[in-house]
């Protein structure tokens, strides 16, 4: 019988959530939003420009966190497991963008410290016409809490 550290936490995804797109709202991007972002990341080149077009990673400020939310099983915790970005068109000041997300995959794997579950979410940022601007694929790693030291 495998020990608790060798067993991946059982993550239950509601049957109607896997693959279903969830509306996360919309945002109108402003030059002020872009300026605030480029100042925060120290992007002097963009700050010296017109600020009509956001730098590619600005899209992460529009993401709205790891949503759709999935309840974690008792005795587990989740950590951010990285992301991949697919840029399809620039995000521009003065434009309204629609944001949606979905859970696209859940799988188990073995990590350096034992079994874990990976939840993959995909967020899409679309322009007002519905054309994708950016796709963000994010991974959340869920694992059992280590036993308390005796």
N, C-alpha and C. Protein backbone atom coordinates (compact mmCIF):
# COMPACT_ATOMS: atom_id res chain seq x y z
N UNK A 1 0.85 -1.18 0.00
CA UNK A 1 0.00 0.00 0.00
C UNK A 1 0.89 1.25 0.00
N UNK A 2 0.62 2.23 -0.91
CA UNK A 2 1.47 3.42 -0.97
C UNK A 2 1.28 4.29 0.27
N UNK A 3 2.35 4.97 0.67
CA UNK A 3 2.25 5.91 1.79
C UNK A 3 1.50 7.15 1.33
N UNK A 4 1.09 7.97 2.31
CA UNK A 4 0.34 9.18 1.98
C UNK A 4 1.15 10.10 1.08
N UNK A 5 2.48 10.14 1.26
CA UNK A 5 3.31 11.02 0.43
C UNK A 5 3.45 10.50 -1.00
N UNK A 6 3.12 9.22 -1.23
CA UNK A 6 3.21 8.65 -2.57
C UNK A 6 1.87 8.68 -3.30
N UNK A 7 0.79 9.04 -2.59
CA UNK A 7 -0.53 9.08 -3.19
C UNK A 7 -0.86 10.51 -3.59
N UNK A 8 -1.26 10.69 -4.84
CA UNK A 8 -1.62 12.01 -5.32
C UNK A 8 -2.95 12.43 -4.70
N UNK A 9 -3.08 13.71 -4.29
CA UNK A 9 -4.35 14.16 -3.73
C UNK A 9 -5.46 14.05 -4.77
N UNK A 10 -6.60 13.57 -4.37
CA UNK A 10 -7.73 13.39 -5.29
C UNK A 10 -8.47 14.71 -5.43
N UNK A 11 -8.35 15.34 -6.59
CA UNK A 11 -9.01 16.61 -6.86
C UNK A 11 -10.28 16.32 -7.65
N UNK A 12 -11.40 16.71 -7.10
CA UNK A 12 -12.69 16.50 -7.76
C UNK A 12 -13.07 17.77 -8.53
N UNK A 13 -13.19 17.63 -9.83
CA UNK A 13 -13.62 18.74 -10.68
C UNK A 13 -15.12 18.56 -10.94
N UNK A 14 -15.94 19.55 -10.61
CA UNK A 14 -17.36 19.41 -10.93
C UNK A 14 -17.54 19.06 -12.41
N UNK A 15 -18.38 18.06 -12.69
CA UNK A 15 -18.51 17.55 -14.07
C UNK A 15 -18.87 18.64 -15.07
N UNK A 16 -19.56 19.67 -14.63
CA UNK A 16 -19.95 20.73 -15.57
C UNK A 16 -18.88 21.82 -15.72
N UNK A 17 -17.75 21.70 -14.99
CA UNK A 17 -16.72 22.74 -15.04
C UNK A 17 -15.60 22.42 -16.01
N UNK A 18 -15.18 21.18 -16.11
CA UNK A 18 -14.07 20.81 -16.97
C UNK A 18 -14.38 21.17 -18.43
N UNK A 19 -13.59 22.05 -18.99
CA UNK A 19 -13.75 22.46 -20.38
C UNK A 19 -14.73 23.59 -20.61
N UNK A 20 -15.56 23.92 -19.63
CA UNK A 20 -16.57 24.97 -19.80
C UNK A 20 -15.94 26.34 -19.62
N UNK A 21 -16.17 27.23 -20.58
CA UNK A 21 -15.63 28.59 -20.51
C UNK A 21 -16.43 29.41 -19.51
N UNK A 22 -15.71 30.12 -18.63
CA UNK A 22 -16.31 30.95 -17.60
C UNK A 22 -15.98 32.41 -17.91
N UNK A 23 -16.99 33.25 -17.94
CA UNK A 23 -16.80 34.68 -18.21
C UNK A 23 -16.20 35.35 -16.97
N UNK A 24 -15.07 36.02 -17.15
CA UNK A 24 -14.42 36.73 -16.04
C UNK A 24 -14.58 38.24 -16.16
N UNK A 25 -15.43 38.68 -17.06
CA UNK A 25 -15.70 40.11 -17.19
C UNK A 25 -14.90 40.77 -18.29
N UNK A 26 -14.89 42.08 -18.25
CA UNK A 26 -14.19 42.84 -19.28
C UNK A 26 -13.45 44.00 -18.63
N UNK A 27 -12.53 44.56 -19.39
CA UNK A 27 -11.75 45.71 -18.92
C UNK A 27 -11.40 46.57 -20.12
N UNK A 28 -11.48 47.87 -19.92
CA UNK A 28 -11.00 48.81 -20.94
C UNK A 28 -9.61 49.24 -20.52
N UNK A 29 -8.64 48.93 -21.36
CA UNK A 29 -7.24 49.23 -21.06
C UNK A 29 -6.99 50.71 -21.31
N UNK A 30 -6.30 51.35 -20.37
CA UNK A 30 -5.98 52.77 -20.51
C UNK A 30 -4.46 52.95 -20.58
N UNK A 31 -4.06 54.09 -21.05
CA UNK A 31 -2.63 54.42 -21.06
C UNK A 31 -2.09 54.47 -19.63
N UNK A 32 -2.93 54.92 -18.70
CA UNK A 32 -2.51 54.98 -17.30
C UNK A 32 -2.24 53.57 -16.76
N UNK A 33 -3.05 52.60 -17.13
CA UNK A 33 -2.83 51.21 -16.70
C UNK A 33 -1.50 50.69 -17.24
N UNK A 34 -1.26 50.98 -18.51
CA UNK A 34 -0.01 50.54 -19.15
C UNK A 34 1.18 51.23 -18.48
N UNK A 35 1.06 52.54 -18.23
CA UNK A 35 2.16 53.29 -17.58
C UNK A 35 2.44 52.74 -16.19
N UNK A 36 1.41 52.45 -15.44
CA UNK A 36 1.59 51.90 -14.09
C UNK A 36 2.32 50.56 -14.16
N UNK A 37 1.95 49.73 -15.12
CA UNK A 37 2.61 48.43 -15.27
C UNK A 37 4.08 48.59 -15.65
N UNK A 38 4.37 49.40 -16.65
CA UNK A 38 5.77 49.51 -17.10
C UNK A 38 6.65 50.16 -16.03
N UNK A 39 6.07 51.06 -15.22
CA UNK A 39 6.83 51.61 -14.08
C UNK A 39 7.12 50.51 -13.06
N UNK A 40 6.11 49.69 -12.77
CA UNK A 40 6.26 48.63 -11.77
C UNK A 40 7.32 47.60 -12.16
N UNK A 41 7.44 47.32 -13.45
CA UNK A 41 8.42 46.31 -13.89
C UNK A 41 9.73 46.95 -14.35
N UNK A 42 9.82 48.28 -14.27
CA UNK A 42 11.07 48.96 -14.63
C UNK A 42 11.36 48.96 -16.12
N UNK A 43 10.32 49.00 -16.94
CA UNK A 43 10.47 48.97 -18.40
C UNK A 43 10.60 50.41 -18.92
N UNK A 44 11.81 50.94 -18.81
CA UNK A 44 12.06 52.34 -19.20
C UNK A 44 11.81 52.58 -20.69
N UNK A 45 12.08 51.58 -21.52
CA UNK A 45 11.88 51.74 -22.97
C UNK A 45 10.41 51.97 -23.28
N UNK A 46 9.54 51.15 -22.72
CA UNK A 46 8.10 51.33 -22.96
C UNK A 46 7.60 52.62 -22.34
N UNK A 47 8.12 52.96 -21.16
CA UNK A 47 7.68 54.17 -20.49
C UNK A 47 8.02 55.42 -21.31
N UNK A 48 9.10 55.37 -22.06
CA UNK A 48 9.50 56.50 -22.90
C UNK A 48 8.68 56.59 -24.18
N UNK A 49 7.90 55.54 -24.49
CA UNK A 49 7.11 55.51 -25.72
C UNK A 49 5.74 56.12 -25.54
N UNK A 50 4.86 55.85 -26.49
CA UNK A 50 3.53 56.45 -26.51
C UNK A 50 2.55 55.81 -25.54
N UNK A 51 2.83 54.60 -25.09
CA UNK A 51 1.96 53.83 -24.20
C UNK A 51 0.61 53.49 -24.84
N UNK A 52 0.57 53.50 -26.16
CA UNK A 52 -0.65 53.09 -26.87
C UNK A 52 -0.75 51.57 -26.95
N UNK A 53 0.38 50.89 -26.88
CA UNK A 53 0.43 49.44 -26.96
C UNK A 53 1.14 48.90 -25.72
N UNK A 54 0.48 47.94 -25.07
CA UNK A 54 1.06 47.38 -23.84
C UNK A 54 2.17 46.40 -24.17
N UNK A 55 3.19 46.29 -23.29
CA UNK A 55 4.18 45.25 -23.49
C UNK A 55 3.50 43.88 -23.35
N UNK A 56 4.04 42.86 -23.96
CA UNK A 56 3.36 41.56 -23.99
C UNK A 56 2.94 41.02 -22.62
N UNK A 57 3.79 41.12 -21.61
CA UNK A 57 3.44 40.53 -20.32
C UNK A 57 2.41 41.33 -19.52
N UNK A 58 2.00 42.48 -20.01
CA UNK A 58 0.92 43.25 -19.39
C UNK A 58 -0.34 42.40 -19.27
N UNK A 59 -0.50 41.46 -20.18
CA UNK A 59 -1.71 40.61 -20.18
C UNK A 59 -1.90 39.90 -18.85
N UNK A 60 -0.83 39.64 -18.13
CA UNK A 60 -0.94 38.93 -16.84
C UNK A 60 -1.68 39.77 -15.81
N UNK A 61 -1.70 41.09 -15.97
CA UNK A 61 -2.44 41.94 -15.02
C UNK A 61 -3.94 41.84 -15.25
N UNK A 62 -4.35 41.34 -16.40
CA UNK A 62 -5.77 41.23 -16.72
C UNK A 62 -6.35 39.86 -16.37
N UNK A 63 -5.53 38.93 -15.98
CA UNK A 63 -5.88 37.52 -15.82
C UNK A 63 -6.93 37.21 -14.77
N UNK A 64 -6.93 37.86 -13.65
CA UNK A 64 -7.91 37.66 -12.58
C UNK A 64 -7.66 36.43 -11.72
N UNK A 65 -6.45 35.98 -11.59
CA UNK A 65 -6.12 34.88 -10.69
C UNK A 65 -6.42 33.50 -11.24
N UNK A 66 -6.21 32.49 -10.41
CA UNK A 66 -6.44 31.11 -10.83
C UNK A 66 -7.93 30.81 -10.78
N UNK A 67 -8.61 31.14 -11.86
CA UNK A 67 -10.05 30.90 -11.97
C UNK A 67 -10.29 30.14 -13.26
N UNK A 68 -11.29 29.32 -13.33
CA UNK A 68 -12.28 29.01 -12.32
C UNK A 68 -11.66 28.34 -11.10
N UNK A 69 -12.23 28.67 -9.96
CA UNK A 69 -11.74 28.15 -8.68
C UNK A 69 -12.14 26.68 -8.55
N UNK A 70 -11.24 25.91 -7.97
CA UNK A 70 -11.50 24.50 -7.70
C UNK A 70 -11.25 24.28 -6.21
N UNK A 71 -12.24 23.75 -5.49
CA UNK A 71 -12.01 23.50 -4.07
C UNK A 71 -10.93 22.44 -3.88
N UNK A 72 -10.00 22.71 -2.98
CA UNK A 72 -8.92 21.76 -2.72
C UNK A 72 -9.37 20.75 -1.66
N UNK A 73 -8.96 19.50 -1.83
CA UNK A 73 -9.31 18.50 -0.82
C UNK A 73 -8.68 18.83 0.53
N UNK A 74 -9.30 18.39 1.63
CA UNK A 74 -8.71 18.62 2.95
C UNK A 74 -7.30 18.03 3.01
N UNK A 75 -6.42 18.72 3.72
CA UNK A 75 -5.06 18.22 3.89
C UNK A 75 -4.16 18.45 2.70
N UNK A 76 -4.57 19.34 1.79
CA UNK A 76 -3.74 19.64 0.61
C UNK A 76 -3.50 21.15 0.54
N UNK A 77 -2.57 21.52 -0.32
CA UNK A 77 -2.35 22.93 -0.63
C UNK A 77 -1.98 23.04 -2.10
N UNK A 78 -2.17 24.22 -2.67
CA UNK A 78 -1.85 24.45 -4.07
C UNK A 78 -0.82 25.55 -4.23
N UNK A 79 0.03 25.41 -5.22
CA UNK A 79 1.01 26.43 -5.55
C UNK A 79 0.97 26.70 -7.05
N UNK A 80 1.41 27.88 -7.41
CA UNK A 80 1.47 28.28 -8.81
C UNK A 80 2.56 27.46 -9.50
N UNK A 81 2.23 26.85 -10.62
CA UNK A 81 3.17 25.99 -11.32
C UNK A 81 3.67 26.53 -12.64
N UNK A 82 3.51 27.84 -12.88
CA UNK A 82 4.03 28.45 -14.11
C UNK A 82 2.96 28.68 -15.15
N UNK A 83 3.38 29.35 -16.22
CA UNK A 83 2.43 29.67 -17.30
C UNK A 83 3.16 29.71 -18.64
N UNK A 84 2.36 29.61 -19.69
CA UNK A 84 2.81 29.81 -21.06
C UNK A 84 1.91 30.87 -21.67
N UNK A 85 2.48 31.74 -22.50
CA UNK A 85 1.72 32.82 -23.13
C UNK A 85 1.76 32.66 -24.64
N UNK A 86 0.61 32.85 -25.26
CA UNK A 86 0.52 32.85 -26.73
C UNK A 86 -0.02 34.21 -27.14
N UNK A 87 0.81 35.01 -27.80
CA UNK A 87 0.44 36.36 -28.21
C UNK A 87 -0.10 36.34 -29.63
N UNK A 88 -1.34 36.81 -29.80
CA UNK A 88 -2.00 36.77 -31.10
C UNK A 88 -2.17 38.17 -31.70
N UNK A 89 -2.28 39.18 -30.85
CA UNK A 89 -2.33 40.57 -31.28
C UNK A 89 -2.00 41.44 -30.08
N UNK A 90 -1.48 42.63 -30.31
CA UNK A 90 -1.12 43.50 -29.18
C UNK A 90 -2.36 43.96 -28.40
N UNK A 91 -2.16 44.22 -27.13
CA UNK A 91 -3.21 44.84 -26.31
C UNK A 91 -2.98 46.34 -26.39
N UNK A 92 -4.02 47.07 -26.73
CA UNK A 92 -3.89 48.51 -27.00
C UNK A 92 -4.73 49.35 -26.04
N UNK A 93 -4.20 50.51 -25.69
CA UNK A 93 -4.93 51.46 -24.86
C UNK A 93 -6.18 51.93 -25.60
N UNK A 94 -7.25 52.15 -24.82
CA UNK A 94 -8.50 52.62 -25.41
C UNK A 94 -9.39 51.50 -25.91
N UNK A 95 -8.93 50.26 -25.85
CA UNK A 95 -9.73 49.12 -26.33
C UNK A 95 -10.29 48.35 -25.15
N UNK A 96 -11.45 47.78 -25.35
CA UNK A 96 -12.10 46.94 -24.35
C UNK A 96 -11.78 45.49 -24.65
N UNK A 97 -11.45 44.74 -23.59
CA UNK A 97 -11.11 43.32 -23.73
C UNK A 97 -12.00 42.46 -22.86
N UNK A 98 -12.41 41.34 -23.39
CA UNK A 98 -13.25 40.36 -22.71
C UNK A 98 -12.36 39.23 -22.23
N UNK A 99 -12.55 38.81 -20.98
CA UNK A 99 -11.67 37.80 -20.39
C UNK A 99 -12.51 36.58 -20.00
N UNK A 100 -12.02 35.42 -20.37
CA UNK A 100 -12.69 34.17 -20.00
C UNK A 100 -11.62 33.15 -19.64
N UNK A 101 -12.04 32.09 -18.96
CA UNK A 101 -11.09 31.04 -18.58
C UNK A 101 -11.82 29.72 -18.49
N UNK A 102 -11.03 28.65 -18.52
CA UNK A 102 -11.60 27.31 -18.37
C UNK A 102 -10.53 26.37 -17.84
N UNK A 103 -10.98 25.33 -17.17
CA UNK A 103 -10.09 24.26 -16.75
C UNK A 103 -9.98 23.33 -17.96
N UNK A 104 -8.76 23.10 -18.43
CA UNK A 104 -8.60 22.28 -19.64
C UNK A 104 -8.05 20.89 -19.37
N UNK A 105 -7.40 20.70 -18.21
CA UNK A 105 -6.82 19.38 -17.94
C UNK A 105 -6.54 19.24 -16.46
N UNK A 106 -6.61 18.02 -15.99
CA UNK A 106 -6.21 17.65 -14.63
C UNK A 106 -5.50 16.32 -14.76
N UNK A 107 -4.27 16.26 -14.24
CA UNK A 107 -3.54 15.00 -14.32
C UNK A 107 -2.64 14.83 -13.11
N UNK A 108 -2.26 13.60 -12.88
CA UNK A 108 -1.39 13.27 -11.76
C UNK A 108 0.00 12.98 -12.27
N UNK A 109 0.98 13.29 -11.45
CA UNK A 109 2.37 12.99 -11.79
C UNK A 109 3.18 12.85 -10.52
N UNK A 110 4.39 12.37 -10.69
CA UNK A 110 5.28 12.21 -9.56
C UNK A 110 6.32 13.32 -9.61
N UNK A 111 6.46 14.03 -8.49
CA UNK A 111 7.45 15.10 -8.39
C UNK A 111 8.60 14.66 -7.51
N UNK A 112 9.57 15.54 -7.32
CA UNK A 112 10.74 15.22 -6.49
C UNK A 112 10.35 14.86 -5.07
N UNK A 113 9.26 15.47 -4.58
CA UNK A 113 8.87 15.22 -3.19
C UNK A 113 7.61 14.36 -3.09
N UNK A 114 7.26 13.65 -4.15
CA UNK A 114 6.11 12.75 -4.08
C UNK A 114 5.06 13.04 -5.14
N UNK A 115 3.93 12.38 -4.97
CA UNK A 115 2.84 12.49 -5.94
C UNK A 115 2.17 13.86 -5.84
N UNK A 116 1.66 14.33 -6.97
CA UNK A 116 0.96 15.59 -7.01
C UNK A 116 -0.07 15.58 -8.13
N UNK A 117 -0.98 16.53 -8.07
CA UNK A 117 -1.99 16.72 -9.11
C UNK A 117 -1.73 18.07 -9.76
N UNK A 118 -1.85 18.12 -11.08
CA UNK A 118 -1.67 19.37 -11.81
C UNK A 118 -3.01 19.75 -12.44
N UNK A 119 -3.45 20.98 -12.18
CA UNK A 119 -4.66 21.52 -12.80
C UNK A 119 -4.19 22.56 -13.81
N UNK A 120 -4.63 22.41 -15.06
CA UNK A 120 -4.25 23.34 -16.12
C UNK A 120 -5.47 24.18 -16.49
N UNK A 121 -5.28 25.49 -16.43
CA UNK A 121 -6.34 26.42 -16.81
C UNK A 121 -5.87 27.23 -18.01
N UNK A 122 -6.82 27.61 -18.84
CA UNK A 122 -6.49 28.48 -19.98
C UNK A 122 -7.38 29.71 -19.92
N UNK A 123 -6.75 30.87 -19.90
CA UNK A 123 -7.48 32.13 -19.97
C UNK A 123 -7.31 32.70 -21.37
N UNK A 124 -8.36 33.31 -21.87
CA UNK A 124 -8.29 33.96 -23.18
C UNK A 124 -8.74 35.40 -23.02
N UNK A 125 -7.94 36.30 -23.57
CA UNK A 125 -8.27 37.73 -23.58
C UNK A 125 -8.61 38.06 -25.03
N UNK A 126 -9.86 38.51 -25.25
CA UNK A 126 -10.34 38.81 -26.60
C UNK A 126 -10.66 40.29 -26.73
N UNK A 127 -10.51 40.80 -27.96
CA UNK A 127 -10.92 42.18 -28.20
C UNK A 127 -12.45 42.23 -28.29
N UNK A 128 -12.99 43.42 -28.44
CA UNK A 128 -14.45 43.60 -28.47
C UNK A 128 -15.13 42.81 -29.58
N UNK A 129 -14.40 42.56 -30.65
CA UNK A 129 -14.97 41.81 -31.76
C UNK A 129 -14.92 40.30 -31.52
N UNK A 130 -14.30 39.89 -30.41
CA UNK A 130 -14.20 38.47 -30.09
C UNK A 130 -12.95 37.80 -30.61
N UNK A 131 -12.04 38.57 -31.19
CA UNK A 131 -10.79 38.00 -31.70
C UNK A 131 -9.80 37.82 -30.56
N UNK A 132 -9.20 36.64 -30.43
CA UNK A 132 -8.23 36.42 -29.34
C UNK A 132 -7.02 37.33 -29.49
N UNK A 133 -6.61 37.92 -28.36
CA UNK A 133 -5.39 38.72 -28.31
C UNK A 133 -4.29 37.91 -27.63
N UNK A 134 -4.64 37.22 -26.53
CA UNK A 134 -3.66 36.45 -25.76
C UNK A 134 -4.33 35.22 -25.19
N UNK A 135 -3.60 34.12 -25.19
CA UNK A 135 -4.00 32.92 -24.45
C UNK A 135 -2.96 32.66 -23.38
N UNK A 136 -3.43 32.43 -22.17
CA UNK A 136 -2.55 32.17 -21.04
C UNK A 136 -2.87 30.77 -20.52
N UNK A 137 -1.90 29.90 -20.56
CA UNK A 137 -2.05 28.56 -20.01
C UNK A 137 -1.30 28.52 -18.69
N UNK A 138 -2.03 28.24 -17.60
CA UNK A 138 -1.43 28.25 -16.26
C UNK A 138 -1.59 26.90 -15.59
N UNK A 139 -0.58 26.57 -14.79
CA UNK A 139 -0.62 25.30 -14.06
C UNK A 139 -0.64 25.56 -12.56
N UNK A 140 -1.49 24.83 -11.87
CA UNK A 140 -1.54 24.85 -10.42
C UNK A 140 -1.17 23.45 -9.94
N UNK A 141 -0.24 23.39 -9.01
CA UNK A 141 0.21 22.10 -8.47
C UNK A 141 -0.43 21.92 -7.10
N UNK A 142 -1.09 20.77 -6.93
CA UNK A 142 -1.77 20.47 -5.68
C UNK A 142 -1.12 19.23 -5.08
N UNK A 143 -0.78 19.32 -3.82
CA UNK A 143 -0.13 18.19 -3.16
C UNK A 143 -0.60 18.10 -1.70
N UNK A 144 -0.36 16.92 -1.13
CA UNK A 144 -0.72 16.71 0.27
C UNK A 144 0.21 17.51 1.16
N UNK A 145 -0.35 18.02 2.24
CA UNK A 145 0.48 18.71 3.23
C UNK A 145 1.41 17.70 3.88
N UNK A 146 2.66 18.09 4.10
CA UNK A 146 3.57 17.15 4.77
C UNK A 146 3.10 16.89 6.20
N UNK A 147 3.38 15.71 6.71
CA UNK A 147 2.98 15.41 8.08
C UNK A 147 3.71 16.34 9.07
N UNK A 148 3.04 16.68 10.14
CA UNK A 148 3.64 17.51 11.17
C UNK A 148 4.75 16.74 11.87
N UNK A 149 5.86 17.43 12.18
CA UNK A 149 6.93 16.72 12.91
C UNK A 149 6.44 16.33 14.29
N UNK A 150 6.84 15.18 14.71
CA UNK A 150 6.40 14.68 16.04
C UNK A 150 7.15 15.31 17.16
